[in-house]
Protein backbone atom coordinates (compact mmCIF):
# COMPACT_ATOMS: atom_id res chain seq x y z
CA UNK A 1 0.00 0.00 0.00
CA UNK A 2 0.97 3.59 -0.57
CA UNK A 3 3.86 5.05 1.44
CA UNK A 4 5.29 8.35 0.21
CA UNK A 5 7.84 10.80 1.53
CA UNK A 6 8.04 13.87 -0.67
CA UNK A 7 9.65 17.24 -0.03
CA UNK A 8 6.61 18.85 1.58
CA UNK A 9 4.25 16.00 2.48
CA UNK A 10 4.29 12.45 3.79
CA UNK A 11 1.86 9.57 3.31
CA UNK A 12 1.69 6.48 5.50
CA UNK A 13 -0.88 3.70 5.16
CA UNK A 14 -1.82 1.20 7.86
CA UNK A 15 -2.97 -2.40 7.46
CA UNK A 16 -6.63 -1.32 7.37
CA UNK A 17 -6.03 0.75 4.27
CA UNK A 18 -6.18 4.07 6.13
CA UNK A 19 -3.72 6.56 4.62
CA UNK A 20 -2.56 9.62 6.54
CA UNK A 21 -1.62 12.47 4.22
CA UNK A 22 0.37 15.00 6.23
CA UNK A 23 1.33 18.52 5.18
CA UNK A 24 4.90 18.45 6.42
CA UNK A 25 6.28 21.97 6.66
CA UNK A 26 5.73 22.66 10.37
CA UNK A 27 8.47 25.30 10.47
CA UNK A 28 6.40 27.25 7.89
CA UNK A 29 3.05 26.44 9.53
CA UNK A 30 2.45 24.00 6.63
CA UNK A 31 2.11 26.87 4.19
CA UNK A 32 1.41 26.16 0.53
CA UNK A 33 3.97 26.71 -2.19
CA UNK A 34 4.40 25.40 -5.73
CA UNK A 35 6.27 22.31 -4.50
CA UNK A 36 3.56 21.36 -2.00
CA UNK A 37 0.86 21.86 -4.62
CA UNK A 38 2.71 19.51 -6.99
CA UNK A 39 3.33 17.01 -4.18
CA UNK A 40 -0.36 17.02 -3.24
CA UNK A 41 -1.41 16.46 -6.86
CA UNK A 42 0.98 13.51 -7.08
CA UNK A 43 -0.26 12.05 -3.79
CA UNK A 44 -3.90 12.41 -4.83
CA UNK A 45 -3.23 10.53 -8.07
CA UNK A 46 -1.35 7.72 -6.31
CA UNK A 47 -3.88 7.34 -3.49
CA UNK A 48 -6.82 7.46 -5.85
CA UNK A 49 -5.38 4.63 -7.94
CA UNK A 50 -4.39 2.38 -5.02
CA UNK A 51 -7.17 -0.15 -4.36
CA UNK A 52 -5.51 -0.97 -1.04
CA UNK A 53 -6.28 2.52 0.25
CA UNK A 54 -9.81 2.86 1.59
CA UNK A 55 -9.71 6.17 3.50
CA UNK A 56 -7.45 9.22 3.47
CA UNK A 57 -6.94 11.38 6.56
CA UNK A 58 -5.59 14.83 5.70
CA UNK A 59 -3.76 16.74 8.44
CA UNK A 60 -0.87 19.06 9.20
CA UNK A 61 2.40 18.37 10.98
CA UNK A 62 2.87 20.02 14.36
CA UNK A 63 0.31 21.36 16.79
CA UNK A 64 -0.06 24.98 15.77
CA UNK A 65 -1.36 24.97 12.22
CA UNK A 66 -3.17 22.81 9.71
CA UNK A 67 -2.21 25.12 6.82
CA UNK A 68 -1.51 28.83 7.09
CA UNK A 69 -2.27 29.55 3.43
CA UNK A 70 0.25 30.72 0.88
CA UNK A 71 3.95 30.69 1.74
CA UNK A 72 5.62 34.12 2.06
CA UNK A 73 8.38 33.30 -0.41
CA UNK A 74 5.84 31.90 -2.87
CA UNK A 75 3.87 35.15 -2.64
CA UNK A 76 7.10 37.06 -3.13
CA UNK A 77 7.96 35.09 -6.27
CA UNK A 78 4.43 35.56 -7.63
CA UNK A 79 4.69 39.30 -7.05
CA UNK A 80 7.85 39.38 -9.17
CA UNK A 81 6.41 37.18 -11.94
CA UNK A 82 4.59 38.03 -15.13
CA UNK A 83 0.87 37.44 -15.68
CA UNK A 84 1.37 34.12 -17.48
CA UNK A 85 3.40 32.68 -14.60
CA UNK A 86 0.88 33.88 -12.02
CA UNK A 87 -2.01 32.38 -13.99
CA UNK A 88 -0.20 29.05 -14.30
CA UNK A 89 0.48 28.90 -10.56
CA UNK A 90 -3.08 29.90 -9.81
CA UNK A 91 -4.50 27.17 -12.03
CA UNK A 92 -2.26 24.54 -10.41
CA UNK A 93 -3.68 25.42 -6.99
CA UNK A 94 -7.21 25.04 -8.37
CA UNK A 95 -6.33 21.71 -9.98
CA UNK A 96 -4.84 20.42 -6.73
CA UNK A 97 -8.05 21.23 -4.88
CA UNK A 98 -10.03 19.59 -7.66
CA UNK A 99 -7.90 16.45 -7.41
CA UNK A 100 -8.54 16.18 -3.67
CA UNK A 101 -12.21 17.00 -4.13
CA UNK A 102 -12.72 14.16 -6.62
CA UNK A 103 -10.67 11.57 -4.71
CA UNK A 104 -12.70 8.32 -4.93
CA UNK A 105 -12.18 7.60 -1.23
CA UNK A 106 -13.48 9.34 1.91
CA UNK A 107 -11.23 12.32 2.66
CA UNK A 108 -11.30 13.03 6.40
CA UNK A 109 -9.91 16.36 7.56
CA UNK A 110 -8.00 16.16 10.83
CA UNK A 111 -7.77 19.90 11.41
CA UNK A 112 -5.11 20.18 14.08
CA UNK A 113 -4.72 23.97 14.08
CA UNK A 114 -5.18 27.23 12.24
CA UNK A 115 -6.17 27.39 8.57
CA UNK A 116 -6.13 30.49 6.41
CA UNK A 117 -6.67 31.12 2.69
CA UNK A 118 -5.71 27.99 0.79
CA UNK A 119 -5.88 26.03 4.03
CA UNK A 120 -9.62 26.69 4.20
CA UNK A 121 -9.81 25.58 0.59
CA UNK A 122 -8.34 22.21 1.52
CA UNK A 123 -10.77 21.86 4.41
CA UNK A 124 -13.60 22.58 1.99
CA UNK A 125 -12.80 19.61 -0.24
CA UNK A 126 -12.84 17.12 2.64
CA UNK A 127 -15.84 14.86 3.13
CA UNK A 128 -15.78 15.07 6.93
CA UNK A 129 -13.82 17.57 9.00
CA UNK A 130 -12.96 17.58 12.70
CA UNK A 131 -11.24 20.67 14.04
CA UNK A 132 -9.74 21.47 17.40
CA UNK A 133 -11.56 24.10 19.43
CA UNK A 134 -8.40 26.20 19.68
CA UNK A 135 -8.06 26.65 15.91
CA UNK A 136 -8.61 29.94 14.10
CA UNK A 137 -9.71 30.36 10.51
CA UNK A 138 -9.81 33.11 7.93
CA UNK A 139 -10.17 33.99 4.26
CA UNK A 140 -7.85 36.95 4.51
CA UNK A 141 -7.08 37.63 0.84
CA UNK A 142 -9.00 40.93 0.66
CA UNK A 143 -6.80 42.33 3.43
CA UNK A 144 -3.87 41.94 1.01
CA UNK A 145 -5.79 43.53 -1.85
CA UNK A 146 -6.30 40.11 -3.45
CA UNK A 147 -9.28 37.77 -3.86
CA UNK A 148 -9.87 34.11 -2.80
CA UNK A 149 -10.31 33.12 -6.42
CA UNK A 150 -9.05 29.52 -6.74
CA UNK A 151 -10.55 28.29 -3.51
CA UNK A 152 -13.91 30.05 -3.96
CA UNK A 153 -15.74 27.29 -5.89
CA UNK A 154 -14.99 24.83 -3.10
CA UNK A 155 -15.45 27.20 -0.17
CA UNK A 156 -18.76 28.59 -1.45
CA UNK A 157 -20.02 25.09 -2.18
CA UNK A 158 -19.09 24.13 1.35
CA UNK A 159 -20.55 27.01 3.35
CA UNK A 160 -23.06 28.62 0.98
CA UNK A 161 -23.12 32.07 -0.57
CA UNK A 162 -24.41 33.97 2.47
CA UNK A 163 -21.76 32.58 4.81
CA UNK A 164 -19.06 33.07 2.16
CA UNK A 165 -19.99 36.75 1.86
CA UNK A 166 -19.88 37.14 5.63
CA UNK A 167 -16.33 35.80 5.97
CA UNK A 168 -14.73 36.63 2.61
CA UNK A 169 -15.60 40.31 2.33
CA UNK A 170 -14.00 41.41 5.62
CA UNK A 171 -11.19 38.85 5.82
CA UNK A 172 -11.77 38.74 9.58
CA UNK A 173 -10.62 35.70 11.53
CA UNK A 174 -13.17 33.41 13.18
CA UNK A 175 -13.04 30.60 15.70
CA UNK A 176 -13.74 26.88 15.44
CA UNK A 177 -17.28 27.18 16.77
CA UNK A 178 -18.16 29.62 14.01
CA UNK A 179 -16.39 27.41 11.45
CA UNK A 180 -18.71 24.58 12.49
CA UNK A 181 -21.76 26.84 12.47
CA UNK A 182 -21.18 27.83 8.83
CA UNK A 183 -20.31 24.30 7.71
CA UNK A 184 -16.56 24.58 7.19
CA UNK A 185 -16.05 22.07 10.01
CA UNK A 186 -18.34 19.10 10.53
CA UNK A 187 -17.58 19.14 14.25
CA UNK A 188 -15.14 20.44 16.85
CA UNK A 189 -13.32 18.67 19.68
CA UNK A 190 -10.83 19.51 22.40
CA UNK A 191 -7.25 19.00 21.17
CA UNK A 192 -6.77 16.03 23.52
CA UNK A 193 -9.77 14.28 21.94
CA UNK A 194 -8.85 14.82 18.29
CA UNK A 195 -7.19 11.49 17.53
CA UNK A 196 -9.81 9.48 19.38
CA UNK A 197 -12.61 11.13 17.43
CA UNK A 198 -10.78 10.65 14.12
CA UNK A 199 -10.43 6.94 14.94
CA UNK A 200 -14.18 6.69 15.55
CA UNK A 201 -14.96 8.37 12.24
CA UNK A 202 -12.49 6.18 10.38
CA UNK A 203 -14.07 3.04 11.89
CA UNK A 204 -17.49 4.21 10.76
CA UNK A 205 -16.22 4.68 7.21
CA UNK A 206 -14.57 1.25 7.21
CA UNK A 207 -18.05 -0.29 7.42
CA UNK A 208 -18.85 0.97 3.90
CA UNK A 209 -18.06 -0.83 0.64
CA UNK A 210 -15.18 0.99 -1.14
CA UNK A 211 -16.72 0.82 -4.62
CA UNK A 212 -20.09 2.02 -3.35
CA UNK A 213 -18.36 4.93 -1.61
CA UNK A 214 -16.65 5.98 -4.86
CA UNK A 215 -19.96 5.73 -6.74
CA UNK A 216 -21.73 7.74 -4.04
CA UNK A 217 -19.16 10.55 -4.24
CA UNK A 218 -19.79 10.70 -8.00
CA UNK A 219 -23.54 10.62 -7.31
CA UNK A 220 -23.37 13.57 -4.93
CA UNK A 221 -21.27 15.61 -7.36
CA UNK A 222 -23.68 14.97 -10.22
CA UNK A 223 -26.97 15.39 -8.36
CA UNK A 224 -25.87 18.66 -6.74
CA UNK A 225 -25.19 20.27 -10.13
CA UNK A 226 -28.05 18.97 -12.33
CA UNK A 227 -31.77 19.39 -12.68
CA UNK A 228 -34.39 17.13 -11.17
CA UNK A 229 -35.25 15.82 -14.65
CA UNK A 230 -31.63 14.89 -15.34
CA UNK A 231 -31.27 13.39 -11.88
CA UNK A 232 -34.30 11.13 -12.30
CA UNK A 233 -32.62 9.46 -15.27
CA UNK A 234 -29.13 9.45 -13.78
CA UNK A 235 -30.05 8.05 -10.39
CA UNK A 236 -32.19 5.28 -11.84
CA UNK A 237 -29.29 4.09 -13.97
CA UNK A 238 -26.75 4.38 -11.17
CA UNK A 239 -28.81 2.27 -8.78
CA UNK A 240 -29.20 -0.36 -11.47
CA UNK A 241 -25.42 -0.24 -11.94
CA UNK A 242 -24.84 -0.71 -8.21
CA UNK A 243 -27.06 -3.81 -8.09
CA UNK A 244 -24.88 -5.36 -10.80
CA UNK A 245 -21.53 -4.84 -9.05
CA UNK A 246 -19.73 -7.58 -7.12
CA UNK A 247 -20.12 -5.46 -3.99
CA UNK A 248 -23.84 -5.09 -4.54
CA UNK A 249 -24.29 -8.84 -4.94
CA UNK A 250 -22.11 -9.59 -1.89
CA UNK A 251 -23.83 -6.97 0.25
CA UNK A 252 -27.34 -8.18 -0.54
CA UNK A 253 -26.31 -11.81 -0.03
CA UNK A 254 -24.83 -10.92 3.35
CA UNK A 255 -27.94 -8.98 4.34
CA UNK A 256 -30.29 -11.80 3.37
CA UNK A 257 -28.04 -14.45 4.89
CA UNK A 258 -27.41 -12.43 8.05
CA UNK A 259 -23.65 -12.59 7.57
CA UNK A 260 -20.93 -9.93 7.41
CA UNK A 261 -19.92 -8.56 3.99
CA UNK A 262 -16.22 -8.93 3.16
CA UNK A 263 -15.30 -5.24 3.36
CA UNK A 264 -16.82 -4.67 6.81
CA UNK A 265 -14.36 -3.71 9.54
CA UNK A 266 -14.31 -6.17 12.42
CA UNK A 267 -14.72 -3.96 15.48
């Protein structure tokens, strides 16, 4: 199963198929730069293709920050670059978020500290997010005279237009409770309880059939962006498809026979 050590991230996978994807620049508060963006795109491709990986837990190294946004030196280089270079770097950030967003596995955000700018973008593409109560959050781009462009499709989808206006237009920081209230976080916990709660969530996800999970993520993405008429056709076909999979047959047989399907975690 996947094990990766790249310049800015690390990936370890346990014998359950749970991969931990760690942003590994603690001395820079796990800030994003062009190398980390490329490393994350590579990791997403490898993890997505590895059938031995069932769940991905995304977190940051250290205790202070999940991801503090864009790296100072990266900003400095962008400021000195021409428009074409800036556009290319901007698109790569958007593609990285898209890669994580479409990962065919549950992506669980273990939000161990502060997240600003691009860090909130990465939270927004997770399927379930648990943040520590001590964390602070912010979409601070307007305070630099910039805009949260690349992350906006994911952030707005996550928290809704009204909440996005409330936090994006001032750039003011907000706490974990507010992050949960507006949907950026699924839930909050005390720092001492973070790993225990992540373990519980992972165990819950290990009860689900991997192929059905991938199909359901595709289902959610399609249904949320299409009309009712389109969805009536699409969903009917997808359920028929699911019945015809090996997982579907095994799951129904297990249900009828009162046995445990092969993918189910033994608690």
